[in-house]
């Protein structure tokens, strides 16, 4: 059983999905704590209701970003995590802190990376006229949304889509995608090697793809 710590800034729907999968025995993990940079984040209430440690630190209480990040990850380290999951954590993390957790921290991002790193991805997809949208799970590096991509989920863009409808249709797929990646990492199948993401010790030529049954397969 692998220890997991989750970082979230908002409502916590992705965290709740991971928690639900854990409760149903679908993931070989134990979520030890939920940390947030927003003391009023609803994600904290989800954790408290589940009996999970919920910890909030406010950036304004620290001298700079690096000091805040060191404090957050020091608290995370108290729970001896094998994996840290960024689930809607809306902060750029100090590079030195990121490097300390190389290969042990993943993030989910609502675009088919390397397209559209950063914010407002759904609107940017529509503005570009893309026919396919999706989400990516990647190992976290110092480059914003630029770490090696583990797996992706795709969905078609409809002619009448808005940013809100795209986000709503993508969200359930994001939940399944993240759960599948966490499962594979916890089981030792996926890891970050010197040449990039590895599946069963073999470097991937391209990100894995989420299937209808929730599994991950090569493209």
N, C-alpha and C. Protein backbone atom coordinates (compact mmCIF):
# COMPACT_ATOMS: atom_id res chain seq x y z
N UNK A 1 0.85 -1.19 0.00
CA UNK A 1 0.00 0.00 0.00
C UNK A 1 0.88 1.24 0.00
N UNK A 2 0.70 2.09 -1.00
CA UNK A 2 1.52 3.29 -1.15
C UNK A 2 0.86 4.49 -0.47
N UNK A 3 1.68 5.29 0.21
CA UNK A 3 1.20 6.51 0.83
C UNK A 3 1.14 7.63 -0.19
N UNK A 4 0.02 8.35 -0.19
CA UNK A 4 -0.20 9.44 -1.14
C UNK A 4 -0.60 10.69 -0.38
N UNK A 5 -0.04 11.83 -0.77
CA UNK A 5 -0.47 13.13 -0.29
C UNK A 5 -0.98 13.92 -1.49
N UNK A 6 -2.12 14.58 -1.32
CA UNK A 6 -2.75 15.34 -2.40
C UNK A 6 -2.67 16.82 -2.08
N UNK A 7 -2.36 17.63 -3.10
CA UNK A 7 -2.40 19.09 -2.99
C UNK A 7 -3.51 19.62 -3.88
N UNK A 8 -4.36 20.49 -3.33
CA UNK A 8 -5.47 21.04 -4.09
C UNK A 8 -5.74 22.46 -3.65
N UNK A 9 -6.24 23.27 -4.58
CA UNK A 9 -6.52 24.67 -4.27
C UNK A 9 -8.01 25.00 -4.26
N UNK A 10 -8.85 24.10 -4.78
CA UNK A 10 -10.24 24.46 -4.98
C UNK A 10 -11.25 23.51 -4.39
N UNK A 11 -12.25 23.19 -5.19
CA UNK A 11 -13.40 22.44 -4.68
C UNK A 11 -13.08 20.99 -4.36
N UNK A 12 -12.05 20.44 -5.01
CA UNK A 12 -11.60 19.11 -4.64
C UNK A 12 -12.32 17.97 -5.32
N UNK A 13 -12.91 18.19 -6.49
CA UNK A 13 -13.63 17.09 -7.15
C UNK A 13 -12.69 15.97 -7.57
N UNK A 14 -11.49 16.34 -8.01
CA UNK A 14 -10.53 15.31 -8.41
C UNK A 14 -10.02 14.55 -7.19
N UNK A 15 -9.77 15.27 -6.11
CA UNK A 15 -9.39 14.62 -4.86
C UNK A 15 -10.49 13.67 -4.40
N UNK A 16 -11.74 14.11 -4.47
CA UNK A 16 -12.86 13.27 -4.05
C UNK A 16 -12.95 12.01 -4.90
N UNK A 17 -12.66 12.12 -6.19
CA UNK A 17 -12.70 10.94 -7.06
C UNK A 17 -11.61 9.95 -6.68
N UNK A 18 -10.41 10.45 -6.37
CA UNK A 18 -9.33 9.56 -5.91
C UNK A 18 -9.71 8.88 -4.60
N UNK A 19 -10.28 9.66 -3.71
CA UNK A 19 -10.69 9.14 -2.41
C UNK A 19 -11.75 8.05 -2.57
N UNK A 20 -12.70 8.28 -3.47
CA UNK A 20 -13.75 7.29 -3.73
C UNK A 20 -13.16 6.00 -4.29
N UNK A 21 -12.20 6.13 -5.20
CA UNK A 21 -11.56 4.94 -5.76
C UNK A 21 -10.80 4.17 -4.69
N UNK A 22 -10.16 4.89 -3.80
CA UNK A 22 -9.46 4.23 -2.70
C UNK A 22 -10.44 3.48 -1.80
N UNK A 23 -11.54 4.12 -1.47
CA UNK A 23 -12.53 3.50 -0.59
C UNK A 23 -13.09 2.21 -1.17
N UNK A 24 -13.22 2.17 -2.49
CA UNK A 24 -13.78 0.99 -3.14
C UNK A 24 -12.72 -0.06 -3.48
N UNK A 25 -11.51 0.15 -3.00
CA UNK A 25 -10.46 -0.83 -3.21
C UNK A 25 -9.90 -0.87 -4.61
N UNK A 26 -10.17 0.20 -5.39
CA UNK A 26 -9.71 0.22 -6.78
C UNK A 26 -8.27 0.70 -6.90
N UNK A 27 -7.72 1.28 -5.83
CA UNK A 27 -6.36 1.78 -5.86
C UNK A 27 -5.58 1.23 -4.67
N UNK A 28 -4.36 0.76 -4.91
CA UNK A 28 -3.52 0.24 -3.81
C UNK A 28 -2.78 1.36 -3.10
N UNK A 29 -3.54 2.34 -2.60
CA UNK A 29 -2.94 3.50 -1.97
C UNK A 29 -3.65 3.81 -0.66
N UNK A 30 -2.99 4.65 0.13
CA UNK A 30 -3.59 5.23 1.31
C UNK A 30 -3.36 6.72 1.26
N UNK A 31 -4.42 7.50 1.06
CA UNK A 31 -4.29 8.96 1.05
C UNK A 31 -4.09 9.42 2.48
N UNK A 32 -2.93 9.99 2.75
CA UNK A 32 -2.57 10.34 4.12
C UNK A 32 -2.98 11.77 4.49
N UNK A 33 -2.97 12.68 3.50
CA UNK A 33 -3.25 14.07 3.83
C UNK A 33 -3.66 14.84 2.59
N UNK A 34 -4.39 15.93 2.84
CA UNK A 34 -4.75 16.91 1.80
C UNK A 34 -4.18 18.25 2.25
N UNK A 35 -3.33 18.84 1.43
CA UNK A 35 -2.75 20.15 1.71
C UNK A 35 -3.27 21.16 0.71
N UNK A 36 -3.49 22.38 1.19
CA UNK A 36 -3.99 23.43 0.31
C UNK A 36 -3.34 24.76 0.62
N UNK A 37 -3.27 25.59 -0.41
CA UNK A 37 -2.79 26.97 -0.26
C UNK A 37 -3.96 27.92 -0.03
N UNK A 38 -5.18 27.38 0.04
CA UNK A 38 -6.39 28.19 0.25
C UNK A 38 -7.10 27.69 1.51
N UNK A 39 -7.02 28.43 2.61
CA UNK A 39 -7.64 27.96 3.86
C UNK A 39 -9.14 27.70 3.76
N UNK A 40 -9.82 28.31 2.78
CA UNK A 40 -11.26 28.10 2.62
C UNK A 40 -11.59 27.11 1.51
N UNK A 41 -10.61 26.41 0.99
CA UNK A 41 -10.85 25.48 -0.12
C UNK A 41 -11.81 24.36 0.31
N UNK A 42 -12.87 24.11 -0.46
CA UNK A 42 -13.78 23.01 -0.13
C UNK A 42 -13.10 21.65 -0.07
N UNK A 43 -11.99 21.50 -0.76
CA UNK A 43 -11.26 20.22 -0.71
C UNK A 43 -10.88 19.86 0.71
N UNK A 44 -10.59 20.85 1.53
CA UNK A 44 -10.22 20.59 2.92
C UNK A 44 -11.38 19.97 3.69
N UNK A 45 -12.60 20.42 3.41
CA UNK A 45 -13.78 19.85 4.08
C UNK A 45 -14.00 18.39 3.67
N UNK A 46 -13.74 18.10 2.40
CA UNK A 46 -13.87 16.71 1.94
C UNK A 46 -12.91 15.82 2.72
N UNK A 47 -11.69 16.29 2.89
CA UNK A 47 -10.69 15.51 3.64
C UNK A 47 -11.11 15.34 5.09
N UNK A 48 -11.54 16.41 5.72
CA UNK A 48 -11.95 16.32 7.13
C UNK A 48 -13.10 15.34 7.31
N UNK A 49 -14.07 15.41 6.40
CA UNK A 49 -15.23 14.51 6.49
C UNK A 49 -14.82 13.05 6.34
N UNK A 50 -13.71 12.82 5.63
CA UNK A 50 -13.23 11.45 5.42
C UNK A 50 -12.22 11.02 6.49
N UNK A 51 -11.96 11.88 7.47
CA UNK A 51 -11.02 11.54 8.51
C UNK A 51 -9.57 11.62 8.07
N UNK A 52 -9.32 12.40 7.04
CA UNK A 52 -7.96 12.57 6.51
C UNK A 52 -7.41 13.91 6.97
N UNK A 53 -6.14 13.95 7.32
CA UNK A 53 -5.53 15.20 7.75
C UNK A 53 -5.69 16.26 6.68
N UNK A 54 -6.22 17.42 7.06
CA UNK A 54 -6.44 18.53 6.15
C UNK A 54 -5.62 19.72 6.65
N UNK A 55 -4.68 20.17 5.84
CA UNK A 55 -3.72 21.19 6.27
C UNK A 55 -3.73 22.34 5.27
N UNK A 56 -3.91 23.55 5.77
CA UNK A 56 -3.87 24.73 4.91
C UNK A 56 -2.78 25.68 5.37
N UNK A 57 -1.99 26.15 4.43
CA UNK A 57 -0.99 27.17 4.69
C UNK A 57 -1.26 28.34 3.76
N UNK A 58 -1.17 29.55 4.26
CA UNK A 58 -1.45 30.74 3.46
C UNK A 58 -0.14 31.34 2.95
N UNK A 59 -0.01 31.54 1.65
CA UNK A 59 1.23 32.12 1.11
C UNK A 59 1.60 33.46 1.74
N UNK A 60 0.61 34.24 2.11
CA UNK A 60 0.89 35.57 2.67
C UNK A 60 1.65 35.50 4.00
N UNK A 61 1.66 34.33 4.63
CA UNK A 61 2.34 34.18 5.91
C UNK A 61 3.82 33.88 5.75
N UNK A 62 4.31 33.86 4.51
CA UNK A 62 5.71 33.51 4.27
C UNK A 62 6.41 34.62 3.49
N UNK A 63 7.71 34.66 3.61
CA UNK A 63 8.49 35.76 3.03
C UNK A 63 8.43 35.76 1.52
N UNK A 64 8.44 34.58 0.91
CA UNK A 64 8.41 34.50 -0.55
C UNK A 64 7.89 33.12 -0.96
N UNK A 65 7.81 32.93 -2.28
CA UNK A 65 7.26 31.68 -2.80
C UNK A 65 8.08 30.48 -2.38
N UNK A 66 9.40 30.62 -2.43
CA UNK A 66 10.26 29.50 -2.08
C UNK A 66 10.05 29.07 -0.62
N UNK A 67 9.93 30.05 0.27
CA UNK A 67 9.71 29.73 1.69
C UNK A 67 8.38 29.03 1.89
N UNK A 68 7.36 29.50 1.19
CA UNK A 68 6.05 28.86 1.28
C UNK A 68 6.13 27.43 0.78
N UNK A 69 6.73 27.24 -0.38
CA UNK A 69 6.80 25.89 -0.95
C UNK A 69 7.59 24.94 -0.05
N UNK A 70 8.67 25.42 0.52
CA UNK A 70 9.44 24.56 1.43
C UNK A 70 8.59 24.14 2.62
N UNK A 71 7.78 25.06 3.13
CA UNK A 71 6.93 24.73 4.27
C UNK A 71 5.86 23.72 3.90
N UNK A 72 5.23 23.91 2.73
CA UNK A 72 4.19 22.98 2.28
C UNK A 72 4.76 21.58 2.13
N UNK A 73 5.88 21.48 1.48
CA UNK A 73 6.42 20.15 1.21
C UNK A 73 7.09 19.54 2.44
N UNK A 74 7.49 20.37 3.38
CA UNK A 74 7.95 19.81 4.65
C UNK A 74 6.79 19.15 5.39
N UNK A 75 5.61 19.79 5.34
CA UNK A 75 4.44 19.19 5.95
C UNK A 75 4.05 17.91 5.21
N UNK A 76 4.13 17.95 3.90
CA UNK A 76 3.81 16.75 3.12
C UNK A 76 4.76 15.61 3.49
N UNK A 77 6.03 15.92 3.66
CA UNK A 77 7.02 14.89 3.99
C UNK A 77 6.75 14.23 5.33
N UNK A 78 6.04 14.92 6.23
CA UNK A 78 5.71 14.33 7.53
C UNK A 78 4.88 13.06 7.37
N UNK A 79 4.20 12.92 6.23
CA UNK A 79 3.32 11.76 6.01
C UNK A 79 4.00 10.67 5.18
N UNK A 80 5.29 10.85 4.93
CA UNK A 80 6.11 9.85 4.22
C UNK A 80 5.46 9.38 2.92
N UNK A 81 5.12 10.33 2.04
CA UNK A 81 4.43 9.92 0.81
C UNK A 81 5.36 9.25 -0.19
N UNK A 82 4.84 8.21 -0.80
CA UNK A 82 5.52 7.62 -1.96
C UNK A 82 5.22 8.42 -3.21
N UNK A 83 4.08 9.14 -3.18
CA UNK A 83 3.65 9.91 -4.35
C UNK A 83 2.89 11.14 -3.87
N UNK A 84 3.18 12.28 -4.50
CA UNK A 84 2.41 13.50 -4.28
C UNK A 84 1.61 13.77 -5.55
N UNK A 85 0.31 14.01 -5.37
CA UNK A 85 -0.58 14.26 -6.51
C UNK A 85 -1.07 15.70 -6.45
N UNK A 86 -0.80 16.45 -7.50
CA UNK A 86 -1.36 17.79 -7.63
C UNK A 86 -2.69 17.67 -8.34
N UNK A 87 -3.76 17.94 -7.63
CA UNK A 87 -5.11 17.77 -8.16
C UNK A 87 -5.83 19.11 -8.11
N UNK A 88 -5.56 19.93 -9.12
CA UNK A 88 -6.11 21.27 -9.09
C UNK A 88 -5.37 22.18 -8.15
N UNK A 89 -4.06 21.99 -8.05
CA UNK A 89 -3.22 22.86 -7.21
C UNK A 89 -2.72 23.99 -8.10
N UNK A 90 -3.17 25.20 -7.83
CA UNK A 90 -3.01 26.30 -8.77
C UNK A 90 -1.82 27.20 -8.45
N UNK A 91 -0.68 26.59 -8.16
CA UNK A 91 0.52 27.36 -7.90
C UNK A 91 1.71 26.77 -8.65
N UNK A 92 2.58 27.66 -9.11
CA UNK A 92 3.85 27.24 -9.67
C UNK A 92 4.81 26.99 -8.51
N UNK A 93 5.40 25.82 -8.47
CA UNK A 93 6.22 25.41 -7.33
C UNK A 93 7.68 25.73 -7.60
N UNK A 94 8.36 26.18 -6.57
CA UNK A 94 9.78 26.53 -6.66
C UNK A 94 10.59 25.37 -7.24
N UNK A 95 11.49 25.67 -8.16
CA UNK A 95 12.23 24.64 -8.88
C UNK A 95 13.05 23.75 -7.94
N UNK A 96 13.67 24.33 -6.94
CA UNK A 96 14.48 23.53 -6.02
C UNK A 96 13.62 22.52 -5.27
N UNK A 97 12.42 22.93 -4.89
CA UNK A 97 11.50 22.01 -4.20
C UNK A 97 11.05 20.90 -5.15
N UNK A 98 10.72 21.27 -6.37
CA UNK A 98 10.30 20.28 -7.36
C UNK A 98 11.37 19.23 -7.56
N UNK A 99 12.60 19.66 -7.68
CA UNK A 99 13.70 18.72 -7.96
C UNK A 99 13.88 17.71 -6.83
N UNK A 100 13.55 18.10 -5.61
CA UNK A 100 13.67 17.16 -4.50
C UNK A 100 12.68 16.00 -4.61
N UNK A 101 11.61 16.21 -5.37
CA UNK A 101 10.56 15.19 -5.50
C UNK A 101 10.50 14.61 -6.91
N UNK A 102 11.59 14.67 -7.63
CA UNK A 102 11.60 14.17 -9.00
C UNK A 102 11.13 12.71 -9.06
N UNK A 103 10.19 12.46 -9.93
CA UNK A 103 9.68 11.11 -10.12
C UNK A 103 8.67 10.67 -9.08
N UNK A 104 8.39 11.55 -8.11
CA UNK A 104 7.45 11.21 -7.04
C UNK A 104 6.29 12.20 -6.94
N UNK A 105 6.13 13.03 -7.98
CA UNK A 105 5.06 14.01 -7.98
C UNK A 105 4.46 14.10 -9.38
N UNK A 106 3.11 14.03 -9.44
CA UNK A 106 2.43 14.11 -10.73
C UNK A 106 1.36 15.20 -10.67
N UNK A 107 0.98 15.66 -11.85
CA UNK A 107 -0.03 16.70 -11.98
C UNK A 107 -1.00 16.32 -13.09
N UNK A 108 -2.26 16.73 -12.94
CA UNK A 108 -3.22 16.56 -14.03
C UNK A 108 -3.53 17.93 -14.60
N UNK A 109 -3.49 18.01 -15.94
CA UNK A 109 -3.66 19.30 -16.62
C UNK A 109 -4.70 19.13 -17.73
N UNK A 110 -5.64 20.08 -17.84
CA UNK A 110 -6.74 19.93 -18.81
C UNK A 110 -6.38 20.38 -20.23
N UNK A 111 -5.40 19.73 -20.82
CA UNK A 111 -5.13 19.89 -22.24
C UNK A 111 -4.28 18.72 -22.70
N UNK A 112 -4.16 18.58 -24.00
CA UNK A 112 -3.30 17.54 -24.56
C UNK A 112 -1.89 18.13 -24.70
N UNK A 113 -1.17 18.12 -23.60
CA UNK A 113 0.18 18.66 -23.60
C UNK A 113 1.03 18.01 -24.70
N UNK A 114 1.93 18.76 -25.34
CA UNK A 114 2.42 20.08 -24.94
C UNK A 114 1.53 21.26 -25.34
N UNK A 115 0.36 21.01 -25.91
CA UNK A 115 -0.55 22.11 -26.23
C UNK A 115 -1.10 22.75 -24.96
N UNK A 116 -1.19 24.04 -24.96
CA UNK A 116 -1.91 24.82 -23.97
C UNK A 116 -1.50 24.58 -22.51
N UNK A 117 -0.23 24.78 -22.19
CA UNK A 117 0.13 24.81 -20.77
C UNK A 117 -0.48 26.05 -20.13
N UNK A 118 -0.60 26.03 -18.82
CA UNK A 118 -1.14 27.19 -18.12
C UNK A 118 -2.65 27.17 -18.01
N UNK A 119 -3.25 28.36 -17.98
CA UNK A 119 -4.66 28.51 -17.66
C UNK A 119 -5.54 28.63 -18.91
N UNK A 120 -6.87 28.59 -18.68
CA UNK A 120 -7.90 28.84 -19.70
C UNK A 120 -7.77 27.91 -20.90
N UNK A 121 -7.48 26.66 -20.64
CA UNK A 121 -7.23 25.73 -21.75
C UNK A 121 -8.46 25.49 -22.60
N UNK A 122 -9.63 25.39 -21.99
CA UNK A 122 -10.84 25.10 -22.77
C UNK A 122 -11.14 26.23 -23.74
N UNK A 123 -11.04 27.45 -23.30
CA UNK A 123 -11.26 28.59 -24.19
C UNK A 123 -10.22 28.64 -25.30
N UNK A 124 -9.00 28.31 -24.97
CA UNK A 124 -7.93 28.37 -25.98
C UNK A 124 -8.13 27.29 -27.05
N UNK A 125 -8.62 26.13 -26.65
CA UNK A 125 -8.93 25.08 -27.61
C UNK A 125 -9.99 25.55 -28.60
N UNK A 126 -11.04 26.18 -28.08
CA UNK A 126 -12.12 26.66 -28.95
C UNK A 126 -11.63 27.79 -29.86
N UNK A 127 -10.83 28.68 -29.33
CA UNK A 127 -10.30 29.78 -30.13
C UNK A 127 -9.43 29.27 -31.27
N UNK A 128 -8.71 28.17 -31.02
CA UNK A 128 -7.83 27.61 -32.04
C UNK A 128 -8.58 26.76 -33.06
N UNK A 129 -9.84 26.44 -32.77
CA UNK A 129 -10.61 25.61 -33.69
C UNK A 129 -10.23 24.13 -33.65
N UNK A 130 -9.65 23.69 -32.55
CA UNK A 130 -9.26 22.28 -32.45
C UNK A 130 -10.47 21.37 -32.48
N UNK A 131 -10.32 20.22 -33.07
CA UNK A 131 -11.40 19.24 -33.11
C UNK A 131 -11.31 18.22 -31.97
N UNK A 132 -10.13 18.13 -31.37
CA UNK A 132 -9.90 17.19 -30.27
C UNK A 132 -9.34 17.95 -29.08
N UNK A 133 -9.88 17.65 -27.91
CA UNK A 133 -9.41 18.24 -26.66
C UNK A 133 -9.08 17.08 -25.73
N UNK A 134 -8.62 17.37 -24.55
CA UNK A 134 -8.33 16.28 -23.63
C UNK A 134 -7.58 16.74 -22.40
N UNK A 135 -7.00 15.76 -21.71
CA UNK A 135 -6.31 16.01 -20.46
C UNK A 135 -5.05 15.15 -20.41
N UNK A 136 -4.09 15.62 -19.63
CA UNK A 136 -2.80 14.92 -19.51
C UNK A 136 -2.41 14.78 -18.04
N UNK A 137 -1.80 13.66 -17.72
CA UNK A 137 -1.13 13.48 -16.43
C UNK A 137 0.36 13.41 -16.71
N UNK A 138 1.13 14.21 -15.99
CA UNK A 138 2.57 14.25 -16.23
C UNK A 138 3.34 14.30 -14.92
N UNK A 139 4.57 13.85 -14.98
CA UNK A 139 5.48 14.03 -13.85
C UNK A 139 5.82 15.53 -13.77
N UNK A 140 5.91 16.04 -12.57
CA UNK A 140 6.14 17.46 -12.38
C UNK A 140 7.63 17.77 -12.45
N UNK A 141 7.96 18.78 -13.24
CA UNK A 141 9.31 19.31 -13.31
C UNK A 141 9.23 20.82 -13.08
N UNK A 142 10.37 21.48 -13.13
CA UNK A 142 10.40 22.92 -12.89
C UNK A 142 9.72 23.70 -14.01
N UNK A 143 9.59 23.11 -15.18
CA UNK A 143 8.92 23.78 -16.29
C UNK A 143 7.41 23.66 -16.14
N UNK A 144 6.68 24.76 -16.21
CA UNK A 144 5.24 24.77 -16.03
C UNK A 144 4.56 23.82 -17.01
N UNK A 145 3.88 22.81 -16.47
CA UNK A 145 3.14 21.82 -17.27
C UNK A 145 4.03 21.21 -18.36
N UNK A 146 5.33 21.13 -18.08
CA UNK A 146 6.26 20.68 -19.10
C UNK A 146 6.95 19.37 -18.80
N UNK A 147 6.55 18.70 -17.72
CA UNK A 147 7.19 17.43 -17.37
C UNK A 147 6.77 16.31 -18.29
N UNK A 148 7.50 15.19 -18.26
CA UNK A 148 7.18 14.05 -19.12
C UNK A 148 5.74 13.57 -18.92
N UNK A 149 5.02 13.45 -20.03
CA UNK A 149 3.61 13.07 -19.98
C UNK A 149 3.48 11.56 -19.85
N UNK A 150 2.69 11.14 -18.88
CA UNK A 150 2.45 9.72 -18.64
C UNK A 150 1.33 9.19 -19.53
N UNK A 151 0.20 9.87 -19.49
CA UNK A 151 -0.98 9.38 -20.21
C UNK A 151 -1.92 10.53 -20.51
N UNK A 152 -2.80 10.31 -21.50
CA UNK A 152 -3.75 11.33 -21.90
C UNK A 152 -5.12 10.72 -22.19
N UNK A 153 -6.14 11.54 -22.03
CA UNK A 153 -7.50 11.18 -22.41
C UNK A 153 -7.98 12.19 -23.43
N UNK A 154 -8.68 11.73 -24.45
CA UNK A 154 -9.13 12.60 -25.52
C UNK A 154 -10.65 12.61 -25.61
N UNK A 155 -11.20 13.75 -26.07
CA UNK A 155 -12.62 13.81 -26.39
C UNK A 155 -12.81 14.77 -27.54
N UNK A 156 -13.85 14.54 -28.38
CA UNK A 156 -14.08 15.42 -29.51
C UNK A 156 -14.67 16.75 -29.06
N UNK A 157 -14.34 17.79 -29.79
CA UNK A 157 -14.93 19.10 -29.55
C UNK A 157 -16.18 19.23 -30.43
N UNK A 158 -17.30 19.54 -29.82
CA UNK A 158 -18.56 19.69 -30.56
C UNK A 158 -18.69 21.11 -31.10
N UNK A 159 -19.40 21.27 -32.21
CA UNK A 159 -19.55 22.61 -32.80
C UNK A 159 -20.18 23.63 -31.86
N UNK A 160 -21.06 23.17 -30.96
CA UNK A 160 -21.74 24.09 -30.05
C UNK A 160 -21.09 24.15 -28.67
N UNK A 161 -19.89 23.60 -28.53
CA UNK A 161 -19.24 23.60 -27.22
C UNK A 161 -18.88 25.02 -26.78
N UNK A 162 -18.92 25.20 -25.47
CA UNK A 162 -18.40 26.39 -24.81
C UNK A 162 -17.30 25.92 -23.85
N UNK A 163 -16.52 26.85 -23.29
CA UNK A 163 -15.53 26.42 -22.29
C UNK A 163 -16.17 25.64 -21.15
N UNK A 164 -17.36 26.02 -20.74
CA UNK A 164 -18.03 25.33 -19.63
C UNK A 164 -18.46 23.93 -20.01
N UNK A 165 -19.02 23.75 -21.20
CA UNK A 165 -19.46 22.41 -21.60
C UNK A 165 -18.27 21.49 -21.83
N UNK A 166 -17.20 22.03 -22.38
CA UNK A 166 -15.99 21.23 -22.55
C UNK A 166 -15.45 20.78 -21.20
N UNK A 167 -15.38 21.71 -20.26
CA UNK A 167 -14.87 21.38 -18.93
C UNK A 167 -15.72 20.31 -18.27
N UNK A 168 -17.04 20.43 -18.40
CA UNK A 168 -17.94 19.48 -17.76
C UNK A 168 -17.81 18.08 -18.37
N UNK A 169 -17.65 18.00 -19.67
CA UNK A 169 -17.52 16.69 -20.31
C UNK A 169 -16.16 16.06 -20.04
N UNK A 170 -15.15 16.92 -19.90
CA UNK A 170 -13.80 16.39 -19.68
C UNK A 170 -13.58 15.92 -18.25
N UNK A 171 -14.25 16.53 -17.30
CA UNK A 171 -13.94 16.26 -15.89
C UNK A 171 -14.04 14.78 -15.51
N UNK A 172 -15.12 14.06 -15.87
CA UNK A 172 -15.15 12.63 -15.51
C UNK A 172 -14.00 11.84 -16.13
N UNK A 173 -13.59 12.23 -17.33
CA UNK A 173 -12.46 11.55 -17.96
C UNK A 173 -11.17 11.84 -17.21
N UNK A 174 -11.04 13.07 -16.73
CA UNK A 174 -9.86 13.42 -15.94
C UNK A 174 -9.78 12.57 -14.68
N UNK A 175 -10.91 12.37 -14.05
CA UNK A 175 -10.93 11.56 -12.83
C UNK A 175 -10.46 10.13 -13.11
N UNK A 176 -10.95 9.55 -14.19
CA UNK A 176 -10.55 8.18 -14.54
C UNK A 176 -9.08 8.12 -14.95
N UNK A 177 -8.65 9.15 -15.68
CA UNK A 177 -7.25 9.19 -16.13
C UNK A 177 -6.30 9.26 -14.95
N UNK A 178 -6.58 10.15 -14.01
CA UNK A 178 -5.69 10.29 -12.86
C UNK A 178 -5.67 9.01 -12.03
N UNK A 179 -6.84 8.43 -11.81
CA UNK A 179 -6.90 7.18 -11.03
C UNK A 179 -6.09 6.08 -11.70
N UNK A 180 -6.17 5.99 -13.02
CA UNK A 180 -5.42 4.95 -13.74
C UNK A 180 -3.92 5.17 -13.62
N UNK A 181 -3.49 6.42 -13.68
CA UNK A 181 -2.06 6.72 -13.55
C UNK A 181 -1.56 6.44 -12.13
N UNK A 182 -2.34 6.87 -11.15
CA UNK A 182 -1.95 6.61 -9.76
C UNK A 182 -1.86 5.11 -9.51
N UNK A 183 -2.81 4.36 -10.04
CA UNK A 183 -2.81 2.91 -9.87
C UNK A 183 -1.54 2.29 -10.47
N UNK A 184 -1.20 2.70 -11.68
CA UNK A 184 -0.02 2.12 -12.34
C UNK A 184 1.28 2.50 -11.65
N UNK A 185 1.35 3.72 -11.14
CA UNK A 185 2.54 4.12 -10.39
C UNK A 185 2.63 3.36 -9.08
N UNK A 186 1.51 3.23 -8.38
CA UNK A 186 1.49 2.54 -7.09
C UNK A 186 1.87 1.07 -7.24
N UNK A 187 1.52 0.49 -8.36
CA UNK A 187 1.85 -0.92 -8.61
C UNK A 187 3.25 -1.11 -9.18
N UNK A 188 3.97 -0.01 -9.37
CA UNK A 188 5.34 -0.09 -9.85
C UNK A 188 5.47 -0.28 -11.34
N UNK A 189 4.38 -0.08 -12.09
CA UNK A 189 4.43 -0.28 -13.53
C UNK A 189 4.95 0.96 -14.26
N UNK A 190 4.62 2.12 -13.75
CA UNK A 190 5.05 3.38 -14.38
C UNK A 190 6.04 4.06 -13.46
N UNK A 191 7.12 4.57 -14.05
CA UNK A 191 8.15 5.29 -13.29
C UNK A 191 8.80 6.29 -14.22
N UNK A 192 9.51 7.24 -13.63
CA UNK A 192 10.27 8.21 -14.40
C UNK A 192 11.72 7.78 -14.42
N UNK A 193 12.20 7.40 -15.59
CA UNK A 193 13.58 6.97 -15.75
C UNK A 193 14.44 8.07 -16.34
N UNK A 194 15.68 7.76 -16.61
CA UNK A 194 16.60 8.75 -17.16
C UNK A 194 16.20 9.19 -18.56
N UNK A 195 15.48 8.31 -19.29
CA UNK A 195 15.09 8.62 -20.66
C UNK A 195 13.64 9.07 -20.76
N UNK A 196 12.98 9.24 -19.62
CA UNK A 196 11.58 9.64 -19.64
C UNK A 196 10.69 8.64 -18.93
N UNK A 197 9.41 8.66 -19.27
CA UNK A 197 8.45 7.77 -18.63
C UNK A 197 8.69 6.33 -19.08
N UNK A 198 8.68 5.44 -18.11
CA UNK A 198 8.86 4.01 -18.41
C UNK A 198 7.63 3.23 -17.98
N UNK A 199 7.26 2.27 -18.80
CA UNK A 199 6.20 1.31 -18.49
C UNK A 199 6.83 -0.06 -18.38
N UNK A 200 6.78 -0.65 -17.20
CA UNK A 200 7.40 -1.96 -16.96
C UNK A 200 8.87 -1.95 -17.37
N UNK A 201 9.54 -0.83 -17.09
CA UNK A 201 10.97 -0.72 -17.34
C UNK A 201 11.35 -0.34 -18.76
N UNK A 202 10.36 -0.15 -19.64
CA UNK A 202 10.63 0.17 -21.04
C UNK A 202 10.19 1.61 -21.31
N UNK A 203 11.09 2.45 -21.86
CA UNK A 203 10.71 3.84 -22.14
C UNK A 203 9.54 3.92 -23.11
N UNK A 204 8.60 4.83 -22.83
CA UNK A 204 7.46 5.02 -23.71
C UNK A 204 7.83 5.93 -24.87
N UNK A 205 7.39 5.55 -26.06
CA UNK A 205 7.62 6.40 -27.23
C UNK A 205 6.60 7.53 -27.30
N UNK A 206 5.45 7.32 -26.67
CA UNK A 206 4.37 8.31 -26.66
C UNK A 206 3.54 8.09 -25.41
N UNK A 207 2.79 9.11 -24.98
CA UNK A 207 1.95 8.92 -23.78
C UNK A 207 0.95 7.79 -23.96
N UNK A 208 0.62 7.14 -22.86
CA UNK A 208 -0.42 6.13 -22.88
C UNK A 208 -1.76 6.80 -23.12
N UNK A 209 -2.76 6.02 -23.54
CA UNK A 209 -4.09 6.54 -23.82
C UNK A 209 -5.10 5.88 -22.90
N UNK A 210 -6.01 6.67 -22.36
CA UNK A 210 -7.08 6.14 -21.53
C UNK A 210 -8.10 5.45 -22.41
N UNK A 211 -8.47 4.22 -22.03
CA UNK A 211 -9.46 3.45 -22.76
C UNK A 211 -10.84 3.59 -22.10
N UNK A 212 -11.87 3.15 -22.81
CA UNK A 212 -13.24 3.25 -22.31
C UNK A 212 -13.39 2.50 -20.99
N UNK A 213 -12.67 1.38 -20.84
CA UNK A 213 -12.78 0.59 -19.61
C UNK A 213 -11.93 1.14 -18.46
N UNK A 214 -11.28 2.29 -18.67
CA UNK A 214 -10.49 2.91 -17.61
C UNK A 214 -9.05 2.47 -17.57
N UNK A 215 -8.65 1.58 -18.46
CA UNK A 215 -7.26 1.12 -18.49
C UNK A 215 -6.41 2.07 -19.33
N UNK A 216 -5.10 1.91 -19.23
CA UNK A 216 -4.15 2.68 -20.02
C UNK A 216 -3.46 1.76 -21.01
N UNK A 217 -3.36 2.21 -22.24
CA UNK A 217 -2.69 1.41 -23.26
C UNK A 217 -1.83 2.31 -24.13
N UNK A 218 -0.88 1.68 -24.82
CA UNK A 218 -0.03 2.43 -25.72
C UNK A 218 -0.85 2.93 -26.91
N UNK A 219 -0.44 4.07 -27.43
CA UNK A 219 -1.18 4.69 -28.53
C UNK A 219 -1.06 3.86 -29.80
